Full PDB file with SEQRES, HELIX, SHEET, SSBOND, CRYST1, ORIGX, SCALE, CONECT and MASTER records, all heavy atoms in Angstrom:
SEQRES   1 A   45  ASP LEU ILE ALA THR GLY GLY THR LEU ALA ALA ALA ALA          
SEQRES   2 A   45  GLY LEU VAL GLU LYS LEU GLY GLY LYS VAL GLU LYS ILE          
SEQRES   3 A   45  ILE LEU LEU MET GLU LEU ALA GLY LEU LYS GLY ARG GLU          
SEQRES   4 A   45  LYS LEU ALA GLY TYR ASP                                      
HELIX    1 AA1 GLY A    7  LYS A   18  1                                  12    
HELIX    2 AA2 ALA A   33  LEU A   35  5                                   3    
HELIX    3 AA3 GLY A   37  LYS A   40  1                                   4    
SHEET    1 AA1 2 LEU A   2  ILE A   3  0                                        
SHEET    2 AA1 2 MET A  30  GLU A  31  1                                        
CRYST1    1.000    1.000    1.000  90.00  90.00  90.00 P 1           1          
ORIGX1      1.000000  0.000000  0.000000        0.00000                         
ORIGX2      0.000000  1.000000  0.000000        0.00000                         
ORIGX3      0.000000  0.000000  1.000000        0.00000                         
SCALE1      1.000000  0.000000  0.000000        0.00000                         
SCALE2      0.000000  1.000000  0.000000        0.00000                         
SCALE3      0.000000  0.000000  1.000000        0.00000                         
ATOM      1  N   ASP A   1       8.970   9.454  -1.028  1.00  0.00           N  
ATOM      2  CA  ASP A   1      10.008   9.596  -1.983  1.00  0.00           C  
ATOM      3  C   ASP A   1      11.092  10.433  -1.488  1.00  0.00           C  
ATOM      4  O   ASP A   1      12.285  10.233  -1.834  1.00  0.00           O  
ATOM      5  CB  ASP A   1       9.493  10.178  -3.343  1.00  0.00           C  
ATOM      6  CG  ASP A   1       9.053  11.634  -3.234  1.00  0.00           C  
ATOM      7  OD1 ASP A   1       8.502  11.919  -2.145  1.00  0.00           O  
ATOM      8  OD2 ASP A   1       9.258  12.424  -4.201  1.00  0.00           O  
ATOM      9  N   LEU A   2      10.800  11.394  -0.690  1.00  0.00           N  
ATOM     10  CA  LEU A   2      11.741  12.359  -0.359  1.00  0.00           C  
ATOM     11  C   LEU A   2      11.597  12.856   1.083  1.00  0.00           C  
ATOM     12  O   LEU A   2      10.380  13.158   1.512  1.00  0.00           O  
ATOM     13  CB  LEU A   2      11.686  13.573  -1.329  1.00  0.00           C  
ATOM     14  CG  LEU A   2      12.543  14.795  -1.153  1.00  0.00           C  
ATOM     15  CD1 LEU A   2      13.931  14.478  -1.472  1.00  0.00           C  
ATOM     16  CD2 LEU A   2      11.972  15.892  -1.817  1.00  0.00           C  
ATOM     17  N   ILE A   3      12.582  13.182   1.860  1.00  0.00           N  
ATOM     18  CA  ILE A   3      12.506  14.021   3.097  1.00  0.00           C  
ATOM     19  C   ILE A   3      13.241  15.306   2.805  1.00  0.00           C  
ATOM     20  O   ILE A   3      14.393  15.358   2.454  1.00  0.00           O  
ATOM     21  CB  ILE A   3      13.015  13.222   4.360  1.00  0.00           C  
ATOM     22  CG1 ILE A   3      12.857  14.018   5.456  1.00  0.00           C  
ATOM     23  CG2 ILE A   3      14.495  12.800   4.154  1.00  0.00           C  
ATOM     24  CD1 ILE A   3      13.273  13.440   6.833  1.00  0.00           C  
ATOM     25  N   ALA A   4      12.461  16.349   3.057  1.00  0.00           N  
ATOM     26  CA  ALA A   4      13.060  17.669   3.012  1.00  0.00           C  
ATOM     27  C   ALA A   4      13.100  18.274   4.419  1.00  0.00           C  
ATOM     28  O   ALA A   4      13.972  17.931   5.134  1.00  0.00           O  
ATOM     29  CB  ALA A   4      12.254  18.530   1.915  1.00  0.00           C  
ATOM     30  N   THR A   5      12.066  18.991   4.783  1.00  0.00           N  
ATOM     31  CA  THR A   5      11.856  19.556   6.057  1.00  0.00           C  
ATOM     32  C   THR A   5      11.364  18.606   7.058  1.00  0.00           C  
ATOM     33  O   THR A   5      11.468  18.919   8.366  1.00  0.00           O  
ATOM     34  CB  THR A   5      11.093  20.857   6.110  1.00  0.00           C  
ATOM     35  OG1 THR A   5       9.706  20.501   5.725  1.00  0.00           O  
ATOM     36  CG2 THR A   5      11.700  21.958   5.117  1.00  0.00           C  
ATOM     37  N   GLY A   6      10.771  17.599   6.652  1.00  0.00           N  
ATOM     38  CA  GLY A   6      10.260  16.579   7.619  1.00  0.00           C  
ATOM     39  C   GLY A   6       8.790  16.705   8.067  1.00  0.00           C  
ATOM     40  O   GLY A   6       8.286  15.907   8.848  1.00  0.00           O  
ATOM     41  N   GLY A   7       8.229  17.749   7.678  1.00  0.00           N  
ATOM     42  CA  GLY A   7       6.791  18.087   8.066  1.00  0.00           C  
ATOM     43  C   GLY A   7       5.794  17.014   7.813  1.00  0.00           C  
ATOM     44  O   GLY A   7       5.019  16.669   8.781  1.00  0.00           O  
ATOM     45  N   THR A   8       5.713  16.588   6.584  1.00  0.00           N  
ATOM     46  CA  THR A   8       4.729  15.592   6.266  1.00  0.00           C  
ATOM     47  C   THR A   8       4.994  14.391   6.906  1.00  0.00           C  
ATOM     48  O   THR A   8       3.986  13.730   7.432  1.00  0.00           O  
ATOM     49  CB  THR A   8       4.816  15.381   4.697  1.00  0.00           C  
ATOM     50  OG1 THR A   8       4.630  16.570   3.991  1.00  0.00           O  
ATOM     51  CG2 THR A   8       3.753  14.377   4.270  1.00  0.00           C  
ATOM     52  N   LEU A   9       6.187  13.806   7.030  1.00  0.00           N  
ATOM     53  CA  LEU A   9       6.496  12.539   7.721  1.00  0.00           C  
ATOM     54  C   LEU A   9       6.218  12.642   9.194  1.00  0.00           C  
ATOM     55  O   LEU A   9       5.705  11.672   9.777  1.00  0.00           O  
ATOM     56  CB  LEU A   9       7.845  12.144   7.334  1.00  0.00           C  
ATOM     57  CG  LEU A   9       8.097  11.551   5.946  1.00  0.00           C  
ATOM     58  CD1 LEU A   9       9.539  11.514   5.525  1.00  0.00           C  
ATOM     59  CD2 LEU A   9       7.436  10.199   5.783  1.00  0.00           C  
ATOM     60  N   ALA A  10       6.465  13.784   9.810  1.00  0.00           N  
ATOM     61  CA  ALA A  10       6.241  13.958  11.258  1.00  0.00           C  
ATOM     62  C   ALA A  10       4.691  13.879  11.493  1.00  0.00           C  
ATOM     63  O   ALA A  10       4.277  13.262  12.411  1.00  0.00           O  
ATOM     64  CB  ALA A  10       6.881  15.311  11.684  1.00  0.00           C  
ATOM     65  N   ALA A  11       3.880  14.471  10.529  1.00  0.00           N  
ATOM     66  CA  ALA A  11       2.507  14.412  10.716  1.00  0.00           C  
ATOM     67  C   ALA A  11       1.947  13.151  10.539  1.00  0.00           C  
ATOM     68  O   ALA A  11       1.069  12.621  11.178  1.00  0.00           O  
ATOM     69  CB  ALA A  11       1.892  15.447   9.656  1.00  0.00           C  
ATOM     70  N   ALA A  12       2.584  12.353   9.512  1.00  0.00           N  
ATOM     71  CA  ALA A  12       2.054  11.096   9.219  1.00  0.00           C  
ATOM     72  C   ALA A  12       2.420  10.131  10.415  1.00  0.00           C  
ATOM     73  O   ALA A  12       1.585   9.258  10.820  1.00  0.00           O  
ATOM     74  CB  ALA A  12       2.774  10.521   7.929  1.00  0.00           C  
ATOM     75  N   ALA A  13       3.569  10.237  11.080  1.00  0.00           N  
ATOM     76  CA  ALA A  13       3.976   9.427  12.174  1.00  0.00           C  
ATOM     77  C   ALA A  13       2.994   9.638  13.317  1.00  0.00           C  
ATOM     78  O   ALA A  13       2.577   8.875  14.067  1.00  0.00           O  
ATOM     79  CB  ALA A  13       5.301   9.734  12.573  1.00  0.00           C  
ATOM     80  N   GLY A  14       2.594  10.891  13.426  1.00  0.00           N  
ATOM     81  CA  GLY A  14       1.630  11.350  14.467  1.00  0.00           C  
ATOM     82  C   GLY A  14       0.294  10.652  14.292  1.00  0.00           C  
ATOM     83  O   GLY A  14      -0.370  10.301  15.278  1.00  0.00           O  
ATOM     84  N   LEU A  15      -0.109  10.562  13.029  1.00  0.00           N  
ATOM     85  CA  LEU A  15      -1.489   9.891  12.761  1.00  0.00           C  
ATOM     86  C   LEU A  15      -1.307   8.438  13.126  1.00  0.00           C  
ATOM     87  O   LEU A  15      -2.285   7.802  13.708  1.00  0.00           O  
ATOM     88  CB  LEU A  15      -1.809  10.111  11.288  1.00  0.00           C  
ATOM     89  CG  LEU A  15      -2.264  11.479  10.813  1.00  0.00           C  
ATOM     90  CD1 LEU A  15      -2.486  11.452   9.306  1.00  0.00           C  
ATOM     91  CD2 LEU A  15      -3.558  11.828  11.583  1.00  0.00           C  
ATOM     92  N   VAL A  16      -0.360   7.832  12.846  1.00  0.00           N  
ATOM     93  CA  VAL A  16      -0.147   6.357  13.109  1.00  0.00           C  
ATOM     94  C   VAL A  16      -0.176   6.091  14.650  1.00  0.00           C  
ATOM     95  O   VAL A  16      -0.896   5.252  15.103  1.00  0.00           O  
ATOM     96  CB  VAL A  16       1.262   5.828  12.574  1.00  0.00           C  
ATOM     97  CG1 VAL A  16       1.554   4.508  13.133  1.00  0.00           C  
ATOM     98  CG2 VAL A  16       1.189   5.676  10.992  1.00  0.00           C  
ATOM     99  N   GLU A  17       0.429   6.938  15.245  1.00  0.00           N  
ATOM    100  CA  GLU A  17       0.498   6.807  16.714  1.00  0.00           C  
ATOM    101  C   GLU A  17      -0.896   7.260  17.426  1.00  0.00           C  
ATOM    102  O   GLU A  17      -1.300   6.651  18.365  1.00  0.00           O  
ATOM    103  CB  GLU A  17       1.591   7.779  17.370  1.00  0.00           C  
ATOM    104  CG  GLU A  17       3.067   7.185  16.921  1.00  0.00           C  
ATOM    105  CD  GLU A  17       4.119   8.114  17.152  1.00  0.00           C  
ATOM    106  OE1 GLU A  17       3.864   9.437  17.369  1.00  0.00           O  
ATOM    107  OE2 GLU A  17       5.394   7.709  16.954  1.00  0.00           O  
ATOM    108  N   LYS A  18      -1.527   8.160  16.849  1.00  0.00           N  
ATOM    109  CA  LYS A  18      -2.888   8.544  17.324  1.00  0.00           C  
ATOM    110  C   LYS A  18      -3.812   7.342  17.252  1.00  0.00           C  
ATOM    111  O   LYS A  18      -4.684   7.307  18.089  1.00  0.00           O  
ATOM    112  CB  LYS A  18      -3.332   9.735  16.411  1.00  0.00           C  
ATOM    113  CG  LYS A  18      -4.586  10.433  16.986  1.00  0.00           C  
ATOM    114  CD  LYS A  18      -4.882  11.715  16.168  1.00  0.00           C  
ATOM    115  CE  LYS A  18      -5.995  12.504  16.707  1.00  0.00           C  
ATOM    116  NZ  LYS A  18      -6.147  13.740  16.001  1.00  0.00           N  
ATOM    117  N   LEU A  19      -3.596   6.511  16.262  1.00  0.00           N  
ATOM    118  CA  LEU A  19      -4.493   5.325  16.075  1.00  0.00           C  
ATOM    119  C   LEU A  19      -3.872   4.115  16.852  1.00  0.00           C  
ATOM    120  O   LEU A  19      -4.468   3.070  16.803  1.00  0.00           O  
ATOM    121  CB  LEU A  19      -4.543   4.911  14.595  1.00  0.00           C  
ATOM    122  CG  LEU A  19      -5.292   6.022  13.716  1.00  0.00           C  
ATOM    123  CD1 LEU A  19      -5.268   5.577  12.307  1.00  0.00           C  
ATOM    124  CD2 LEU A  19      -6.768   6.127  14.208  1.00  0.00           C  
ATOM    125  N   GLY A  20      -2.814   4.261  17.648  1.00  0.00           N  
ATOM    126  CA  GLY A  20      -2.314   3.238  18.391  1.00  0.00           C  
ATOM    127  C   GLY A  20      -1.233   2.338  17.778  1.00  0.00           C  
ATOM    128  O   GLY A  20      -0.794   1.352  18.421  1.00  0.00           O  
ATOM    129  N   GLY A  21      -0.804   2.749  16.616  1.00  0.00           N  
ATOM    130  CA  GLY A  21       0.251   2.011  15.877  1.00  0.00           C  
ATOM    131  C   GLY A  21       1.604   2.523  16.399  1.00  0.00           C  
ATOM    132  O   GLY A  21       1.752   3.515  16.965  1.00  0.00           O  
ATOM    133  N   LYS A  22       2.677   1.814  15.985  1.00  0.00           N  
ATOM    134  CA  LYS A  22       4.081   2.173  16.195  1.00  0.00           C  
ATOM    135  C   LYS A  22       4.876   2.203  14.954  1.00  0.00           C  
ATOM    136  O   LYS A  22       4.907   1.305  14.230  1.00  0.00           O  
ATOM    137  CB  LYS A  22       4.694   1.080  17.274  1.00  0.00           C  
ATOM    138  CG  LYS A  22       6.105   1.416  17.495  1.00  0.00           C  
ATOM    139  CD  LYS A  22       6.831   0.359  18.404  1.00  0.00           C  
ATOM    140  CE  LYS A  22       8.131   0.708  18.928  1.00  0.00           C  
ATOM    141  NZ  LYS A  22       9.043   1.249  17.995  1.00  0.00           N  
ATOM    142  N   VAL A  23       5.429   3.455  14.764  1.00  0.00           N  
ATOM    143  CA  VAL A  23       6.307   3.464  13.616  1.00  0.00           C  
ATOM    144  C   VAL A  23       7.579   2.806  13.770  1.00  0.00           C  
ATOM    145  O   VAL A  23       8.366   3.223  14.626  1.00  0.00           O  
ATOM    146  CB  VAL A  23       6.540   5.052  13.274  1.00  0.00           C  
ATOM    147  CG1 VAL A  23       7.465   5.179  12.013  1.00  0.00           C  
ATOM    148  CG2 VAL A  23       5.169   5.838  13.024  1.00  0.00           C  
ATOM    149  N   GLU A  24       7.874   1.790  13.064  1.00  0.00           N  
ATOM    150  CA  GLU A  24       9.090   0.908  13.184  1.00  0.00           C  
ATOM    151  C   GLU A  24      10.217   1.617  12.466  1.00  0.00           C  
ATOM    152  O   GLU A  24      11.346   1.450  12.763  1.00  0.00           O  
ATOM    153  CB  GLU A  24       8.738  -0.506  12.757  1.00  0.00           C  
ATOM    154  CG  GLU A  24       7.962  -1.308  13.606  1.00  0.00           C  
ATOM    155  CD  GLU A  24       8.577  -1.457  14.944  1.00  0.00           C  
ATOM    156  OE1 GLU A  24       9.747  -1.840  15.090  1.00  0.00           O  
ATOM    157  OE2 GLU A  24       7.871  -1.369  16.002  1.00  0.00           O  
ATOM    158  N   LYS A  25       9.889   2.137  11.178  1.00  0.00           N  
ATOM    159  CA  LYS A  25      10.945   2.762  10.378  1.00  0.00           C  
ATOM    160  C   LYS A  25      10.299   3.702   9.436  1.00  0.00           C  
ATOM    161  O   LYS A  25       9.065   3.439   8.960  1.00  0.00           O  
ATOM    162  CB  LYS A  25      11.654   1.589   9.656  1.00  0.00           C  
ATOM    163  CG  LYS A  25      12.936   2.016   9.005  1.00  0.00           C  
ATOM    164  CD  LYS A  25      13.866   0.905   8.788  1.00  0.00           C  
ATOM    165  CE  LYS A  25      15.221   1.557   8.292  1.00  0.00           C  
ATOM    166  NZ  LYS A  25      16.247   0.615   8.456  1.00  0.00           N  
ATOM    167  N   ILE A  26      11.047   4.546   8.912  1.00  0.00           N  
ATOM    168  CA  ILE A  26      10.667   5.551   7.852  1.00  0.00           C  
ATOM    169  C   ILE A  26      11.709   5.342   6.781  1.00  0.00           C  
ATOM    170  O   ILE A  26      12.878   5.562   6.996  1.00  0.00           O  
ATOM    171  CB  ILE A  26      10.608   6.974   8.369  1.00  0.00           C  
ATOM    172  CG1 ILE A  26       9.561   7.151   9.494  1.00  0.00           C  
ATOM    173  CG2 ILE A  26      10.279   7.938   7.235  1.00  0.00           C  
ATOM    174  CD1 ILE A  26       9.557   8.534  10.129  1.00  0.00           C  
ATOM    175  N   ILE A  27      11.191   4.961   5.539  1.00  0.00           N  
ATOM    176  CA  ILE A  27      12.100   4.778   4.406  1.00  0.00           C  
ATOM    177  C   ILE A  27      11.709   5.735   3.279  1.00  0.00           C  
ATOM    178  O   ILE A  27      10.585   6.063   3.030  1.00  0.00           O  
ATOM    179  CB  ILE A  27      12.258   3.360   3.934  1.00  0.00           C  
ATOM    180  CG1 ILE A  27      10.858   2.867   3.370  1.00  0.00           C  
ATOM    181  CG2 ILE A  27      12.741   2.444   5.016  1.00  0.00           C  
ATOM    182  CD1 ILE A  27      11.052   1.515   2.565  1.00  0.00           C  
ATOM    183  N   LEU A  28      12.895   6.260   2.668  1.00  0.00           N  
ATOM    184  CA  LEU A  28      12.770   7.273   1.630  1.00  0.00           C  
ATOM    185  C   LEU A  28      13.778   6.822   0.463  1.00  0.00           C  
ATOM    186  O   LEU A  28      14.762   6.208   0.698  1.00  0.00           O  
ATOM    187  CB  LEU A  28      13.159   8.531   2.203  1.00  0.00           C  
ATOM    188  CG  LEU A  28      12.510   8.883   3.420  1.00  0.00           C  
ATOM    189  CD1 LEU A  28      13.480   9.624   4.467  1.00  0.00           C  
ATOM    190  CD2 LEU A  28      11.296   9.710   3.289  1.00  0.00           C  
ATOM    191  N   LEU A  29      13.372   7.319  -0.700  1.00  0.00           N  
ATOM    192  CA  LEU A  29      14.330   7.255  -1.794  1.00  0.00           C  
ATOM    193  C   LEU A  29      15.507   8.300  -1.677  1.00  0.00           C  
ATOM    194  O   LEU A  29      16.588   7.905  -1.765  1.00  0.00           O  
ATOM    195  CB  LEU A  29      13.693   7.344  -3.177  1.00  0.00           C  
ATOM    196  CG  LEU A  29      14.501   7.240  -4.350  1.00  0.00           C  
ATOM    197  CD1 LEU A  29      15.078   5.840  -4.446  1.00  0.00           C  
ATOM    198  CD2 LEU A  29      13.774   7.451  -5.631  1.00  0.00           C  
ATOM    199  N   MET A  30      15.174   9.558  -1.304  1.00  0.00           N  
ATOM    200  CA  MET A  30      16.044  10.572  -1.194  1.00  0.00           C  
ATOM    201  C   MET A  30      15.807  11.437  -0.011  1.00  0.00           C  
ATOM    202  O   MET A  30      14.762  11.639   0.548  1.00  0.00           O  
ATOM    203  CB  MET A  30      15.826  11.545  -2.452  1.00  0.00           C  
ATOM    204  CG  MET A  30      16.111  10.911  -3.813  1.00  0.00           C  
ATOM    205  SD  MET A  30      15.847  12.106  -5.149  1.00  0.00           S  
ATOM    206  CE  MET A  30      14.083  12.216  -5.289  1.00  0.00           C  
ATOM    207  N   GLU A  31      16.950  11.976   0.345  1.00  0.00           N  
ATOM    208  CA  GLU A  31      17.036  12.841   1.508  1.00  0.00           C  
ATOM    209  C   GLU A  31      17.800  14.113   1.141  1.00  0.00           C  
ATOM    210  O   GLU A  31      18.869  13.992   0.700  1.00  0.00           O  
ATOM    211  CB  GLU A  31      17.678  12.165   2.715  1.00  0.00           C  
ATOM    212  CG  GLU A  31      17.837  13.069   3.921  1.00  0.00           C  
ATOM    213  CD  GLU A  31      18.414  12.382   5.176  1.00  0.00           C  
ATOM    214  OE1 GLU A  31      18.669  11.094   5.055  1.00  0.00           O  
ATOM    215  OE2 GLU A  31      18.571  13.028   6.147  1.00  0.00           O  
ATOM    216  N   LEU A  32      17.245  15.243   1.409  1.00  0.00           N  
ATOM    217  CA  LEU A  32      18.012  16.495   1.272  1.00  0.00           C  
ATOM    218  C   LEU A  32      18.369  16.944   2.694  1.00  0.00           C  
ATOM    219  O   LEU A  32      17.722  17.653   3.394  1.00  0.00           O  
ATOM    220  CB  LEU A  32      17.086  17.593   0.717  1.00  0.00           C  
ATOM    221  CG  LEU A  32      16.409  17.281  -0.558  1.00  0.00           C  
ATOM    222  CD1 LEU A  32      15.388  18.424  -1.068  1.00  0.00           C  
ATOM    223  CD2 LEU A  32      17.443  16.995  -1.687  1.00  0.00           C  
ATOM    224  N   ALA A  33      19.668  16.518   3.078  1.00  0.00           N  
ATOM    225  CA  ALA A  33      20.176  16.636   4.416  1.00  0.00           C  
ATOM    226  C   ALA A  33      20.223  18.113   4.779  1.00  0.00           C  
ATOM    227  O   ALA A  33      20.015  18.406   6.066  1.00  0.00           O  
ATOM    228  CB  ALA A  33      21.502  15.979   4.496  1.00  0.00           C  
ATOM    229  N   GLY A  34      20.541  19.008   3.924  1.00  0.00           N  
ATOM    230  CA  GLY A  34      20.689  20.397   4.250  1.00  0.00           C  
ATOM    231  C   GLY A  34      19.409  21.070   4.823  1.00  0.00           C  
ATOM    232  O   GLY A  34      19.491  22.114   5.390  1.00  0.00           O  
ATOM    233  N   LEU A  35      18.330  20.420   4.607  1.00  0.00           N  
ATOM    234  CA  LEU A  35      16.963  20.969   5.064  1.00  0.00           C  
ATOM    235  C   LEU A  35      16.665  20.455   6.473  1.00  0.00           C  
ATOM    236  O   LEU A  35      15.576  20.794   7.103  1.00  0.00           O  
ATOM    237  CB  LEU A  35      15.866  20.789   4.079  1.00  0.00           C  
ATOM    238  CG  LEU A  35      15.952  21.503   2.715  1.00  0.00           C  
ATOM    239  CD1 LEU A  35      14.919  21.062   1.848  1.00  0.00           C  
ATOM    240  CD2 LEU A  35      16.069  23.013   2.958  1.00  0.00           C  
ATOM    241  N   LYS A  36      17.462  19.490   7.021  1.00  0.00           N  
ATOM    242  CA  LYS A  36      17.406  19.052   8.373  1.00  0.00           C  
ATOM    243  C   LYS A  36      16.033  18.382   8.718  1.00  0.00           C  
ATOM    244  O   LYS A  36      15.600  18.516   9.863  1.00  0.00           O  
ATOM    245  CB  LYS A  36      17.712  20.193   9.368  1.00  0.00           C  
ATOM    246  CG  LYS A  36      19.092  20.794   9.079  1.00  0.00           C  
ATOM    247  CD  LYS A  36      19.427  21.900  10.137  1.00  0.00           C  
ATOM    248  CE  LYS A  36      20.689  22.614   9.853  1.00  0.00           C  
ATOM    249  NZ  LYS A  36      21.889  21.798   9.539  1.00  0.00           N  
ATOM    250  N   GLY A  37      15.482  17.717   7.832  1.00  0.00           N  
ATOM    251  CA  GLY A  37      14.249  16.964   8.088  1.00  0.00           C  
ATOM    252  C   GLY A  37      14.367  15.989   9.242  1.00  0.00           C  
ATOM    253  O   GLY A  37      13.332  15.691   9.900  1.00  0.00           O  
ATOM    254  N   ARG A  38      15.510  15.389   9.338  1.00  0.00           N  
ATOM    255  CA  ARG A  38      15.782  14.289  10.304  1.00  0.00           C  
ATOM    256  C   ARG A  38      15.459  14.959  11.694  1.00  0.00           C  
ATOM    257  O   ARG A  38      15.093  14.173  12.614  1.00  0.00           O  
ATOM    258  CB  ARG A  38      17.046  13.709  10.248  1.00  0.00           C  
ATOM    259  CG  ARG A  38      17.186  12.675   9.199  1.00  0.00           C  
ATOM    260  CD  ARG A  38      18.562  11.929   9.259  1.00  0.00           C  
ATOM    261  NE  ARG A  38      18.759  11.153   8.142  1.00  0.00           N  
ATOM    262  CZ  ARG A  38      18.679   9.793   8.337  1.00  0.00           C  
ATOM    263  NH1 ARG A  38      18.502   9.224   9.436  1.00  0.00           N  
ATOM    264  NH2 ARG A  38      18.907   8.987   7.211  1.00  0.00           N  
ATOM    265  N   GLU A  39      15.738  16.180  11.918  1.00  0.00           N  
ATOM    266  CA  GLU A  39      15.506  16.792  13.210  1.00  0.00           C  
ATOM    267  C   GLU A  39      14.114  16.702  13.710  1.00  0.00           C  
ATOM    268  O   GLU A  39      13.899  16.495  14.800  1.00  0.00           O  
ATOM    269  CB  GLU A  39      15.998  18.253  13.214  1.00  0.00           C  
ATOM    270  CG  GLU A  39      17.535  18.228  13.040  1.00  0.00           C  
ATOM    271  CD  GLU A  39      18.064  19.772  13.060  1.00  0.00           C  
ATOM    272  OE1 GLU A  39      17.273  20.728  13.194  1.00  0.00           O  
ATOM    273  OE2 GLU A  39      19.236  19.950  12.761  1.00  0.00           O  
ATOM    274  N   LYS A  40      13.178  16.900  12.692  1.00  0.00           N  
ATOM    275  CA  LYS A  40      11.741  16.743  13.037  1.00  0.00           C  
ATOM    276  C   LYS A  40      11.305  15.219  13.332  1.00  0.00           C  
ATOM    277  O   LYS A  40      10.287  14.979  13.931  1.00  0.00           O  
ATOM    278  CB  LYS A  40      10.916  17.260  12.026  1.00  0.00           C  
ATOM    279  CG  LYS A  40      10.677  18.749  12.038  1.00  0.00           C  
ATOM    280  CD  LYS A  40       9.441  19.175  11.188  1.00  0.00           C  
ATOM    281  CE  LYS A  40       9.354  20.676  11.205  1.00  0.00           C  
ATOM    282  NZ  LYS A  40       9.431  21.206   9.990  1.00  0.00           N  
ATOM    283  N   LEU A  41      12.216  14.296  12.888  1.00  0.00           N  
ATOM    284  CA  LEU A  41      11.863  12.924  13.087  1.00  0.00           C  
ATOM    285  C   LEU A  41      12.805  12.346  14.054  1.00  0.00           C  
ATOM    286  O   LEU A  41      13.006  11.057  14.156  1.00  0.00           O  
ATOM    287  CB  LEU A  41      12.059  12.191  11.686  1.00  0.00           C  
ATOM    288  CG  LEU A  41      11.165  12.802  10.690  1.00  0.00           C  
ATOM    289  CD1 LEU A  41      11.412  12.173   9.300  1.00  0.00           C  
ATOM    290  CD2 LEU A  41       9.610  12.542  10.985  1.00  0.00           C  
ATOM    291  N   ALA A  42      13.351  13.092  14.974  1.00  0.00           N  
ATOM    292  CA  ALA A  42      14.230  12.546  16.122  1.00  0.00           C  
ATOM    293  C   ALA A  42      13.495  11.517  16.864  1.00  0.00           C  
ATOM    294  O   ALA A  42      12.228  11.654  17.152  1.00  0.00           O  
ATOM    295  CB  ALA A  42      14.612  13.693  16.972  1.00  0.00           C  
ATOM    296  N   GLY A  43      14.084  10.376  17.142  1.00  0.00           N  
ATOM    297  CA  GLY A  43      13.406   9.288  17.767  1.00  0.00           C  
ATOM    298  C   GLY A  43      12.815   8.219  16.843  1.00  0.00           C  
ATOM    299  O   GLY A  43      12.467   7.261  17.400  1.00  0.00           O  
ATOM    300  N   TYR A  44      12.863   8.491  15.641  1.00  0.00           N  
ATOM    301  CA  TYR A  44      12.422   7.465  14.534  1.00  0.00           C  
ATOM    302  C   TYR A  44      13.666   6.993  13.899  1.00  0.00           C  
ATOM    303  O   TYR A  44      14.614   7.677  13.615  1.00  0.00           O  
ATOM    304  CB  TYR A  44      11.435   8.070  13.598  1.00  0.00           C  
ATOM    305  CG  TYR A  44      10.109   8.555  14.169  1.00  0.00           C  
ATOM    306  CD1 TYR A  44       9.882   9.868  14.378  1.00  0.00           C  
ATOM    307  CD2 TYR A  44       9.141   7.594  14.493  1.00  0.00           C  
ATOM    308  CE1 TYR A  44       8.674  10.398  14.924  1.00  0.00           C  
ATOM    309  CE2 TYR A  44       7.942   8.024  15.086  1.00  0.00           C  
ATOM    310  CZ  TYR A  44       7.703   9.398  15.304  1.00  0.00           C  
ATOM    311  OH  TYR A  44       6.498   9.784  15.831  1.00  0.00           O  
ATOM    312  N   ASP A  45      13.524   5.652  13.468  1.00  0.00           N  
ATOM    313  CA  ASP A  45      14.579   5.121  12.588  1.00  0.00           C  
ATOM    314  C   ASP A  45      14.283   5.512  11.188  1.00  0.00           C  
ATOM    315  O   ASP A  45      13.340   5.114  10.541  1.00  0.00           O  
ATOM    316  CB  ASP A  45      14.465   3.567  12.739  1.00  0.00           C  
ATOM    317  CG  ASP A  45      15.530   2.775  11.919  1.00  0.00           C  
ATOM    318  OD1 ASP A  45      16.363   3.491  11.284  1.00  0.00           O  
ATOM    319  OD2 ASP A  45      15.499   1.586  11.924  1.00  0.00           O  
TER     320      ASP A  45                                                      
MASTER        0    0    0    3    2    0    0    6  319    1    0    4          
END                                                                             
């Protein structure tokens, strides 16, 4: 639903990759840009 600091999504992406999957995209309803969560997700769409 939301990206704030990006910690949960970065961890989730790590799990996908640990299992051999590839994260094609991350989609959210809302983003709180001031918390810079995208920085933790650099390299992901």
